[in-house]
PDB file of N, CA and C in Angstrom:
ATOM      1  N   MET A   1      80.459 101.201  80.933  1.00  0.00           N
ATOM      2  CA  MET A   1      80.461 100.327  82.093  1.00  0.00           C
ATOM      3  C   MET A   1      79.502 100.899  83.137  1.00  0.00           C
ATOM      4  N   VAL A   2      78.663 100.045  83.646  1.00  0.00           N
ATOM      5  CA  VAL A   2      77.703 100.440  84.665  1.00  0.00           C
ATOM      6  C   VAL A   2      78.329 100.222  86.038  1.00  0.00           C
ATOM      7  N   ARG A   3      78.258 101.251  86.863  1.00  0.00           N
ATOM      8  CA  ARG A   3      78.773 101.112  88.221  1.00  0.00           C
ATOM      9  C   ARG A   3      77.639 100.619  89.114  1.00  0.00           C
ATOM     10  N   LEU A   4      77.896  99.550  89.827  1.00  0.00           N
ATOM     11  CA  LEU A   4      76.898  98.982  90.719  1.00  0.00           C
ATOM     12  C   LEU A   4      76.712  99.881  91.941  1.00  0.00           C
ATOM     13  N   PRO A   5      75.512  99.918  92.498  1.00  0.00           N
ATOM     14  CA  PRO A   5      75.289 100.726  93.703  1.00  0.00           C
ATOM     15  C   PRO A   5      76.161 100.229  94.852  1.00  0.00           C
ATOM     16  N   LEU A   6      76.553 101.152  95.702  1.00  0.00           N
ATOM     17  CA  LEU A   6      77.350 100.779  96.867  1.00  0.00           C
ATOM     18  C   LEU A   6      76.493 100.054  97.887  1.00  0.00           C
ATOM     19  N   THR A   7      77.109  99.127  98.571  1.00  0.00           N
ATOM     20  CA  THR A   7      76.415  98.426  99.646  1.00  0.00           C
ATOM     21  C   THR A   7      76.367  99.329 100.876  1.00  0.00           C
ATOM     22  N   PRO A   8      75.462  99.061 101.799  1.00  0.00           N
ATOM     23  CA  PRO A   8      75.449  99.838 103.046  1.00  0.00           C
ATOM     24  C   PRO A   8      76.789  99.768 103.781  1.00  0.00           C
ATOM     25  N   ALA A   9      77.450  98.623 103.721  1.00  0.00           N
ATOM     26  CA  ALA A   9      78.758  98.478 104.384  1.00  0.00           C
ATOM     27  C   ALA A   9      79.796  99.388 103.738  1.00  0.00           C
ATOM     28  N   GLU A  10      79.782  99.500 102.412  1.00  0.00           N
ATOM     29  CA  GLU A  10      80.729 100.374 101.717  1.00  0.00           C
ATOM     30  C   GLU A  10      80.468 101.841 102.050  1.00  0.00           C
ATOM     31  N   ILE A  11      79.202 102.208 102.126  1.00  0.00           N
ATOM     32  CA  ILE A  11      78.853 103.591 102.472  1.00  0.00           C
ATOM     33  C   ILE A  11      79.319 103.911 103.890  1.00  0.00           C
ATOM     34  N   ALA A  12      79.063 103.007 104.810  1.00  0.00           N
ATOM     35  CA  ALA A  12      79.477 103.213 106.206  1.00  0.00           C
ATOM     36  C   ALA A  12      80.995 103.282 106.321  1.00  0.00           C
ATOM     37  N   ARG A  13      81.684 102.413 105.584  1.00  0.00           N
ATOM     38  CA  ARG A  13      83.147 102.425 105.620  1.00  0.00           C
ATOM     39  C   ARG A  13      83.679 103.743 105.061  1.00  0.00           C
ATOM     40  N   GLY A  14      83.050 104.259 104.007  1.00  0.00           N
ATOM     41  CA  GLY A  14      83.453 105.544 103.439  1.00  0.00           C
ATOM     42  C   GLY A  14      83.285 106.687 104.427  1.00  0.00           C
ATOM     43  N   ARG A  15      82.200 106.646 105.187  1.00  0.00           N
ATOM     44  CA  ARG A  15      81.981 107.678 106.214  1.00  0.00           C
ATOM     45  C   ARG A  15      83.034 107.597 107.309  1.00  0.00           C
ATOM     46  N   ARG A  16      83.367 106.355 107.710  1.00  0.00           N
ATOM     47  CA  ARG A  16      84.414 106.203 108.742  1.00  0.00           C
ATOM     48  C   ARG A  16      85.757 106.693 108.224  1.00  0.00           C
ATOM     49  N   LEU A  17      86.052 106.432 106.949  1.00  0.00           N
ATOM     50  CA  LEU A  17      87.298 106.909 106.360  1.00  0.00           C
ATOM     51  C   LEU A  17      87.330 108.433 106.375  1.00  0.00           C
ATOM     52  N   GLY A  18      86.237 109.058 105.948  1.00  0.00           N
ATOM     53  CA  GLY A  18      86.179 110.521 105.947  1.00  0.00           C
ATOM     54  C   GLY A  18      86.384 111.107 107.325  1.00  0.00           C
ATOM     55  N   THR A  19      85.733 110.515 108.326  1.00  0.00           N
ATOM     56  CA  THR A  19      85.869 110.984 109.707  1.00  0.00           C
ATOM     57  C   THR A  19      87.306 110.851 110.178  1.00  0.00           C
ATOM     58  N   LEU A  20      87.933 109.725 109.883  1.00  0.00           N
ATOM     59  CA  LEU A  20      89.327 109.505 110.263  1.00  0.00           C
ATOM     60  C   LEU A  20      90.234 110.549 109.631  1.00  0.00           C
ATOM     61  N   LEU A  21      90.076 110.800 108.343  1.00  0.00           N
ATOM     62  CA  LEU A  21      90.950 111.754 107.660  1.00  0.00           C
ATOM     63  C   LEU A  21      90.741 113.174 108.172  1.00  0.00           C
ATOM     64  N   ARG A  22      89.505 113.563 108.406  1.00  0.00           N
ATOM     65  CA  ARG A  22      89.235 114.896 108.969  1.00  0.00           C
ATOM     66  C   ARG A  22      89.895 115.040 110.330  1.00  0.00           C
ATOM     67  N   ARG A  23      89.747 114.013 111.163  1.00  0.00           N
ATOM     68  CA  ARG A  23      90.341 114.049 112.506  1.00  0.00           C
ATOM     69  C   ARG A  23      91.861 114.110 112.425  1.00  0.00           C
ATOM     70  N   ALA A  24      92.453 113.316 111.528  1.00  0.00           N
ATOM     71  CA  ALA A  24      93.916 113.293 111.397  1.00  0.00           C
ATOM     72  C   ALA A  24      94.441 114.606 110.831  1.00  0.00           C
ATOM     73  N   ARG A  25      93.643 115.256 109.982  1.00  0.00           N
ATOM     74  CA  ARG A  25      94.074 116.535 109.390  1.00  0.00           C
ATOM     75  C   ARG A  25      94.158 117.617 110.447  1.00  0.00           C
ATOM     76  N   GLY A  26      93.317 117.548 111.449  1.00  0.00           N
ATOM     77  CA  GLY A  26      93.357 118.516 112.542  1.00  0.00           C
ATOM     78  C   GLY A  26      93.218 119.946 112.044  1.00  0.00           C
ATOM     79  N   ASP A  27      94.191 120.786 112.414  1.00  0.00           N
ATOM     80  CA  ASP A  27      94.166 122.200 112.045  1.00  0.00           C
ATOM     81  C   ASP A  27      94.790 122.482 110.683  1.00  0.00           C
ATOM     82  N   ARG A  28      95.368 121.471 110.064  1.00  0.00           N
ATOM     83  CA  ARG A  28      95.951 121.684 108.733  1.00  0.00           C
ATOM     84  C   ARG A  28      94.852 122.003 107.738  1.00  0.00           C
ATOM     85  N   SER A  29      95.145 122.868 106.803  1.00  0.00           N
ATOM     86  CA  SER A  29      94.129 123.200 105.812  1.00  0.00           C
ATOM     87  C   SER A  29      93.967 122.043 104.833  1.00  0.00           C
ATOM     88  N   MET A  30      92.780 121.949 104.278  1.00  0.00           N
ATOM     89  CA  MET A  30      92.493 120.921 103.285  1.00  0.00           C
ATOM     90  C   MET A  30      93.406 121.090 102.073  1.00  0.00           C
ATOM     91  N   VAL A  31      93.660 122.328 101.691  1.00  0.00           N
ATOM     92  CA  VAL A  31      94.520 122.602 100.530  1.00  0.00           C
ATOM     93  C   VAL A  31      95.935 122.110 100.786  1.00  0.00           C
ATOM     94  N   ASP A  32      96.466 122.362 101.986  1.00  0.00           N
ATOM     95  CA  ASP A  32      97.825 121.909 102.314  1.00  0.00           C
ATOM     96  C   ASP A  32      97.935 120.389 102.267  1.00  0.00           C
ATOM     97  N   VAL A  33      96.950 119.700 102.852  1.00  0.00           N
ATOM     98  CA  VAL A  33      96.985 118.241 102.869  1.00  0.00           C
ATOM     99  C   VAL A  33      96.819 117.697 101.451  1.00  0.00           C
ATOM    100  N   ALA A  34      95.889 118.263 100.705  1.00  0.00           N
ATOM    101  CA  ALA A  34      95.667 117.806  99.326  1.00  0.00           C
ATOM    102  C   ALA A  34      96.936 117.998  98.490  1.00  0.00           C
ATOM    103  N   PHE A  35      97.574 119.148  98.638  1.00  0.00           N
ATOM    104  CA  PHE A  35      98.812 119.409  97.898  1.00  0.00           C
ATOM    105  C   PHE A  35      99.887 118.384  98.272  1.00  0.00           C
ATOM    106  N   ALA A  36     100.033 118.122  99.569  1.00  0.00           N
ATOM    107  CA  ALA A  36     101.034 117.147 100.028  1.00  0.00           C
ATOM    108  C   ALA A  36     100.721 115.745  99.512  1.00  0.00           C
ATOM    109  N   ALA A  37      99.434 115.425  99.388  1.00  0.00           N
ATOM    110  CA  ALA A  37      99.024 114.100  98.933  1.00  0.00           C
ATOM    111  C   ALA A  37      98.943 113.998  97.412  1.00  0.00           C
ATOM    112  N   ARG A  38      99.094 115.135  96.738  1.00  0.00           N
ATOM    113  CA  ARG A  38      99.017 115.190  95.276  1.00  0.00           C
ATOM    114  C   ARG A  38      97.640 114.779  94.754  1.00  0.00           C
ATOM    115  N   VAL A  39      96.606 115.240  95.471  1.00  0.00           N
ATOM    116  CA  VAL A  39      95.229 115.085  95.024  1.00  0.00           C
ATOM    117  C   VAL A  39      94.596 116.467  95.040  1.00  0.00           C
ATOM    118  N   SER A  40      93.483 116.622  94.366  1.00  0.00           N
ATOM    119  CA  SER A  40      92.824 117.921  94.360  1.00  0.00           C
ATOM    120  C   SER A  40      92.116 118.147  95.698  1.00  0.00           C
ATOM    121  N   PRO A  41      92.036 119.403  96.121  1.00  0.00           N
ATOM    122  CA  PRO A  41      91.274 119.690  97.342  1.00  0.00           C
ATOM    123  C   PRO A  41      89.824 119.204  97.235  1.00  0.00           C
ATOM    124  N   GLU A  42      89.250 119.269  96.039  1.00  0.00           N
ATOM    125  CA  GLU A  42      87.881 118.799  95.837  1.00  0.00           C
ATOM    126  C   GLU A  42      87.771 117.296  96.099  1.00  0.00           C
ATOM    127  N   THR A  43      88.757 116.542  95.644  1.00  0.00           N
ATOM    128  CA  THR A  43      88.757 115.098  95.904  1.00  0.00           C
ATOM    129  C   THR A  43      88.849 114.827  97.402  1.00  0.00           C
ATOM    130  N   LEU A  44      89.743 115.523  98.074  1.00  0.00           N
ATOM    131  CA  LEU A  44      89.878 115.329  99.518  1.00  0.00           C
ATOM    132  C   LEU A  44      88.592 115.723 100.233  1.00  0.00           C
ATOM    133  N   ARG A  45      87.967 116.808  99.809  1.00  0.00           N
ATOM    134  CA  ARG A  45      86.714 117.241 100.418  1.00  0.00           C
ATOM    135  C   ARG A  45      85.633 116.170 100.253  1.00  0.00           C
ATOM    136  N   LYS A  46      85.547 115.599  99.060  1.00  0.00           N
ATOM    137  CA  LYS A  46      84.539 114.570  98.809  1.00  0.00           C
ATOM    138  C   LYS A  46      84.804 113.309  99.628  1.00  0.00           C
ATOM    139  N   ILE A  47      86.060 112.942  99.783  1.00  0.00           N
ATOM    140  CA  ILE A  47      86.388 111.765 100.606  1.00  0.00           C
ATOM    141  C   ILE A  47      86.037 112.044 102.065  1.00  0.00           C
ATOM    142  N   GLU A  48      86.447 113.215 102.561  1.00  0.00           N
ATOM    143  CA  GLU A  48      86.177 113.555 103.953  1.00  0.00           C
ATOM    144  C   GLU A  48      84.679 113.639 104.250  1.00  0.00           C
ATOM    145  N   SER A  49      83.896 114.052 103.272  1.00  0.00           N
ATOM    146  CA  SER A  49      82.454 114.188 103.484  1.00  0.00           C
ATOM    147  C   SER A  49      81.709 112.880 103.235  1.00  0.00           C
ATOM    148  N   GLY A  50      82.409 111.868 102.737  1.00  0.00           N
ATOM    149  CA  GLY A  50      81.780 110.575 102.452  1.00  0.00           C
ATOM    150  C   GLY A  50      81.144 110.498 101.076  1.00  0.00           C
ATOM    151  N   ARG A  51      81.266 111.557 100.263  1.00  0.00           N
ATOM    152  CA  ARG A  51      80.676 111.542  98.921  1.00  0.00           C
ATOM    153  C   ARG A  51      81.425 110.595  97.993  1.00  0.00           C
ATOM    154  N   ILE A  52      82.706 110.370  98.256  1.00  0.00           N
ATOM    155  CA  ILE A  52      83.454 109.328  97.555  1.00  0.00           C
ATOM    156  C   ILE A  52      83.706 108.253  98.612  1.00  0.00           C
ATOM    157  N   ALA A  53      82.835 107.268  98.641  1.00  0.00           N
ATOM    158  CA  ALA A  53      82.904 106.240  99.685  1.00  0.00           C
ATOM    159  C   ALA A  53      83.952 105.181  99.401  1.00  0.00           C
ATOM    160  N   THR A  54      84.317 105.017  98.130  1.00  0.00           N
ATOM    161  CA  THR A  54      85.298 103.993  97.765  1.00  0.00           C
ATOM    162  C   THR A  54      86.397 104.610  96.910  1.00  0.00           C
ATOM    163  N   PRO A  55      87.227 105.479  97.510  1.00  0.00           N
ATOM    164  CA  PRO A  55      88.302 106.094  96.731  1.00  0.00           C
ATOM    165  C   PRO A  55      89.336 105.055  96.315  1.00  0.00           C
ATOM    166  N   ALA A  56      90.090 105.389  95.299  1.00  0.00           N
ATOM    167  CA  ALA A  56      91.143 104.492  94.816  1.00  0.00           C
ATOM    168  C   ALA A  56      92.175 104.240  95.915  1.00  0.00           C
ATOM    169  N   PHE A  57      92.720 103.044  95.906  1.00  0.00           N
ATOM    170  CA  PHE A  57      93.727 102.675  96.905  1.00  0.00           C
ATOM    171  C   PHE A  57      94.880 103.673  96.912  1.00  0.00           C
ATOM    172  N   ALA A  58      95.369 104.045  95.732  1.00  0.00           N
ATOM    173  CA  ALA A  58      96.498 104.974  95.653  1.00  0.00           C
ATOM    174  C   ALA A  58      96.157 106.318  96.280  1.00  0.00           C
ATOM    175  N   THR A  59      94.916 106.750  96.131  1.00  0.00           N
ATOM    176  CA  THR A  59      94.491 108.011  96.734  1.00  0.00           C
ATOM    177  C   THR A  59      94.487 107.906  98.247  1.00  0.00           C
ATOM    178  N   VAL A  60      93.933 106.828  98.766  1.00  0.00           N
ATOM    179  CA  VAL A  60      93.915 106.620 100.218  1.00  0.00           C
ATOM    180  C   VAL A  60      95.344 106.549 100.748  1.00  0.00           C
ATOM    181  N   ALA A  61      96.198 105.807 100.069  1.00  0.00           N
ATOM    182  CA  ALA A  61      97.589 105.668 100.506  1.00  0.00           C
ATOM    183  C   ALA A  61      98.302 107.010 100.506  1.00  0.00           C
ATOM    184  N   SER A  62      98.071 107.817  99.488  1.00  0.00           N
ATOM    185  CA  SER A  62      98.722 109.119  99.382  1.00  0.00           C
ATOM    186  C   SER A  62      98.243 110.081 100.472  1.00  0.00           C
ATOM    187  N   VAL A  63      96.947 110.125 100.698  1.00  0.00           N
ATOM    188  CA  VAL A  63      96.415 111.008 101.739  1.00  0.00           C
ATOM    189  C   VAL A  63      96.872 110.531 103.111  1.00  0.00           C
ATOM    190  N   ALA A  64      96.828 109.228 103.341  1.00  0.00           N
ATOM    191  CA  ALA A  64      97.283 108.686 104.623  1.00  0.00           C
ATOM    192  C   ALA A  64      98.744 109.058 104.879  1.00  0.00           C
ATOM    193  N   ALA A  65      99.584 108.916 103.869  1.00  0.00           N
ATOM    194  CA  ALA A  65     101.001 109.265 104.022  1.00  0.00           C
ATOM    195  C   ALA A  65     101.163 110.751 104.337  1.00  0.00           C
ATOM    196  N   ALA A  66     100.398 111.590 103.665  1.00  0.00           N
ATOM    197  CA  ALA A  66     100.481 113.029 103.909  1.00  0.00           C
ATOM    198  C   ALA A  66     100.060 113.379 105.334  1.00  0.00           C
ATOM    199  N   LEU A  67      99.196 112.559 105.919  1.00  0.00           N
ATOM    200  CA  LEU A  67      98.728 112.793 107.284  1.00  0.00           C
ATOM    201  C   LEU A  67      99.534 112.023 108.330  1.00  0.00           C
ATOM    202  N   GLY A  68     100.518 111.252 107.886  1.00  0.00           N
ATOM    203  CA  GLY A  68     101.344 110.493 108.819  1.00  0.00           C
ATOM    204  C   GLY A  68     100.653 109.251 109.357  1.00  0.00           C
ATOM    205  N   LEU A  69      99.684 108.729 108.605  1.00  0.00           N
ATOM    206  CA  LEU A  69      98.972 107.515 109.013  1.00  0.00           C
ATOM    207  C   LEU A  69      99.480 106.321 108.210  1.00  0.00           C
ATOM    208  N   SER A  70      99.607 105.181 108.864  1.00  0.00           N
ATOM    209  CA  SER A  70      99.932 103.967 108.129  1.00  0.00           C
ATOM    210  C   SER A  70      98.629 103.385 107.584  1.00  0.00           C
ATOM    211  N   LEU A  71      98.736 102.587 106.543  1.00  0.00           N
ATOM    212  CA  LEU A  71      97.538 101.943 106.000  1.00  0.00           C
ATOM    213  C   LEU A  71      96.938 100.965 106.999  1.00  0.00           C
ATOM    214  N   ASP A  72      97.773 100.380 107.854  1.00  0.00           N
ATOM    215  CA  ASP A  72      97.258  99.508 108.912  1.00  0.00           C
ATOM    216  C   ASP A  72      96.375 100.298 109.881  1.00  0.00           C
ATOM    217  N   GLU A  73      96.812 101.517 110.232  1.00  0.00           N
ATOM    218  CA  GLU A  73      96.004 102.355 111.114  1.00  0.00           C
ATOM    219  C   GLU A  73      94.677 102.722 110.454  1.00  0.00           C
ATOM    220  N   VAL A  74      94.745 103.045 109.175  1.00  0.00           N
ATOM    221  CA  VAL A  74      93.532 103.410 108.443  1.00  0.00           C
ATOM    222  C   VAL A  74      92.567 102.240 108.437  1.00  0.00           C
ATOM    223  N   TRP A  75      93.041 101.054 108.076  1.00  0.00           N
ATOM    224  CA  TRP A  75      92.158  99.889 108.002  1.00  0.00           C
ATOM    225  C   TRP A  75      91.569  99.555 109.369  1.00  0.00           C
ATOM    226  N   ALA A  76      92.388  99.653 110.419  1.00  0.00           N
ATOM    227  CA  ALA A  76      91.897  99.356 111.767  1.00  0.00           C
ATOM    228  C   ALA A  76      90.752 100.289 112.151  1.00  0.00           C
ATOM    229  N   GLU A  77      90.818 101.529 111.706  1.00  0.00           N
ATOM    230  CA  GLU A  77      89.772 102.503 112.022  1.00  0.00           C
ATOM    231  C   GLU A  77      88.516 102.327 111.183  1.00  0.00           C
ATOM    232  N   ILE A  78      88.659 101.897 109.937  1.00  0.00           N
ATOM    233  CA  ILE A  78      87.489 101.885 109.061  1.00  0.00           C
ATOM    234  C   ILE A  78      86.847 100.512 108.910  1.00  0.00           C
ATOM    235  N   ALA A  79      87.476  99.466 109.433  1.00  0.00           N
ATOM    236  CA  ALA A  79      86.858  98.135 109.373  1.00  0.00           C
ATOM    237  C   ALA A  79      85.517  98.201 110.078  1.00  0.00           C
ATOM    238  N   ASP A  80      84.620  97.304 109.751  1.00  0.00           N
ATOM    239  CA  ASP A  80      83.261  97.389 110.300  1.00  0.00           C
ATOM    240  C   ASP A  80      83.254  97.371 111.828  1.00  0.00           C
ATOM    241  N   ALA A  81      82.169  97.832 112.393  1.00  0.00           N
ATOM    242  CA  ALA A  81      82.049  98.038 113.832  1.00  0.00           C
ATOM    243  C   ALA A  81      82.251  96.760 114.645  1.00  0.00           C
ATOM    244  N   SER A  82      81.963  95.594 114.062  1.00  0.00           N
ATOM    245  CA  SER A  82      82.139  94.350 114.800  1.00  0.00           C
ATOM    246  C   SER A  82      83.604  93.925 114.857  1.00  0.00           C
ATOM    247  N   GLY A  83      84.457  94.647 114.099  1.00  0.00           N
ATOM    248  CA  GLY A  83      85.874  94.317 114.082  1.00  0.00           C
ATOM    249  C   GLY A  83      86.225  93.278 113.045  1.00  0.00           C
ATOM    250  N   SER A  84      85.252  92.837 112.290  1.00  0.00           N
ATOM    251  CA  SER A  84      85.486  91.822 111.277  1.00  0.00           C
ATOM    252  C   SER A  84      85.810  92.464 109.945  1.00  0.00           C
ATOM    253  N   ALA A  85      87.062  92.452 109.573  1.00  0.00           N
ATOM    254  CA  ALA A  85      87.459  93.046 108.298  1.00  0.00           C
ATOM    255  C   ALA A  85      86.907  92.246 107.138  1.00  0.00           C
ATOM    256  N   ALA A  86      86.842  90.930 107.273  1.00  0.00           N
ATOM    257  CA  ALA A  86      86.373  90.104 106.163  1.00  0.00           C
ATOM    258  C   ALA A  86      84.912  90.381 105.845  1.00  0.00           C
ATOM    259  N   ALA A  87      84.102  90.643 106.850  1.00  0.00           N
ATOM    260  CA  ALA A  87      82.683  90.911 106.612  1.00  0.00           C
ATOM    261  C   ALA A  87      82.478  92.225 105.890  1.00  0.00           C
ATOM    262  N   ASP A  88      83.440  93.130 106.002  1.00  0.00           N
ATOM    263  CA  ASP A  88      83.309  94.462 105.430  1.00  0.00           C
ATOM    264  C   ASP A  88      84.197  94.631 104.206  1.00  0.00           C
ATOM    265  N   ASP A  89      84.815  93.593 103.750  1.00  0.00           N
ATOM    266  CA  ASP A  89      85.766  93.682 102.657  1.00  0.00           C
ATOM    267  C   ASP A  89      85.031  93.853 101.339  1.00  0.00           C
ATOM    268  N   SER A  90      85.345  94.927 100.622  1.00  0.00           N
ATOM    269  CA  SER A  90      84.633  95.208  99.373  1.00  0.00           C
ATOM    270  C   SER A  90      84.871  94.105  98.340  1.00  0.00           C
ATOM    271  N   ARG A  91      85.975  93.391  98.415  1.00  0.00           N
ATOM    272  CA  ARG A  91      86.189  92.290  97.479  1.00  0.00           C
ATOM    273  C   ARG A  91      85.129  91.224  97.686  1.00  0.00           C
ATOM    274  N   ASP A  92      84.779  90.935  98.956  1.00  0.00           N
ATOM    275  CA  ASP A  92      83.717  89.980  99.237  1.00  0.00           C
ATOM    276  C   ASP A  92      82.381  90.515  98.735  1.00  0.00           C
ATOM    277  N   ALA A  93      82.133  91.795  98.924  1.00  0.00           N
ATOM    278  CA  ALA A  93      80.881  92.394  98.491  1.00  0.00           C
ATOM    279  C   ALA A  93      80.761  92.328  96.965  1.00  0.00           C
ATOM    280  N   LEU A  94      81.869  92.515  96.257  1.00  0.00           N
ATOM    281  CA  LEU A  94      81.829  92.481  94.810  1.00  0.00           C
ATOM    282  C   LEU A  94      81.486  91.084  94.296  1.00  0.00           C
ATOM    283  N   THR A  95      82.015  90.068  94.937  1.00  0.00           N
ATOM    284  CA  THR A  95      81.743  88.709  94.474  1.00  0.00           C
ATOM    285  C   THR A  95      80.329  88.285  94.778  1.00  0.00           C
ATOM    286  N   ALA A  96      79.675  88.933  95.729  1.00  0.00           N
ATOM    287  CA  ALA A  96      78.321  88.576  96.107  1.00  0.00           C
ATOM    288  C   ALA A  96      77.266  89.271  95.237  1.00  0.00           C
ATOM    289  N   ARG A  97      77.675  90.257  94.461  1.00  0.00           N
ATOM    290  CA  ARG A  97      76.721  91.021  93.657  1.00  0.00           C
ATOM    291  C   ARG A  97      76.453  90.318  92.325  1.00  0.00           C
ATOM    292  N   PRO A  98      75.199  90.388  91.879  1.00  0.00           N
ATOM    293  CA  PRO A  98      74.918  89.840  90.544  1.00  0.00           C
ATOM    294  C   PRO A  98      75.545  90.723  89.474  1.00  0.00           C
ATOM    295  N   VAL A  99      75.973  90.099  88.416  1.00  0.00           N
ATOM    296  CA  VAL A  99      76.599  90.817  87.308  1.00  0.00           C
ATOM    297  C   VAL A  99      75.508  91.198  86.308  1.00  0.00           C
ATOM    298  N   PRO A 100      75.380  92.520  85.984  1.00  0.00           N
ATOM    299  CA  PRO A 100      74.350  92.916  85.026  1.00  0.00           C
ATOM    300  C   PRO A 100      74.727  92.449  83.621  1.00  0.00           C
ATOM    301  N   HIS A 101      73.736  92.155  82.817  1.00  0.00           N
ATOM    302  CA  HIS A 101      73.984  91.706  81.449  1.00  0.00           C
ATOM    303  C   HIS A 101      73.668  92.798  80.472  1.00  0.00           C
TER     304      HIS A 101
END
């Protein structure tokens, strides 16, 4: 399966997610948060740095819970800068992409 390149909106959203998680982690160590979220520290590091711009929903939910964030808070922070969640929704971006043959 070929993975399609990320859109600029997805990359930007991934960076906002990473910034939010780093800020929410505060002084807690990455290892402690990763352990609490049941993800590897490497995965958390990649998400926080924006290298994984579109992490799995379950991963985001687990890390958010470990940091005491609701998914509503996460979405409110990472939605596009204009405040339009629909314009930044990866489901919309996926339907707009051509399918490779």
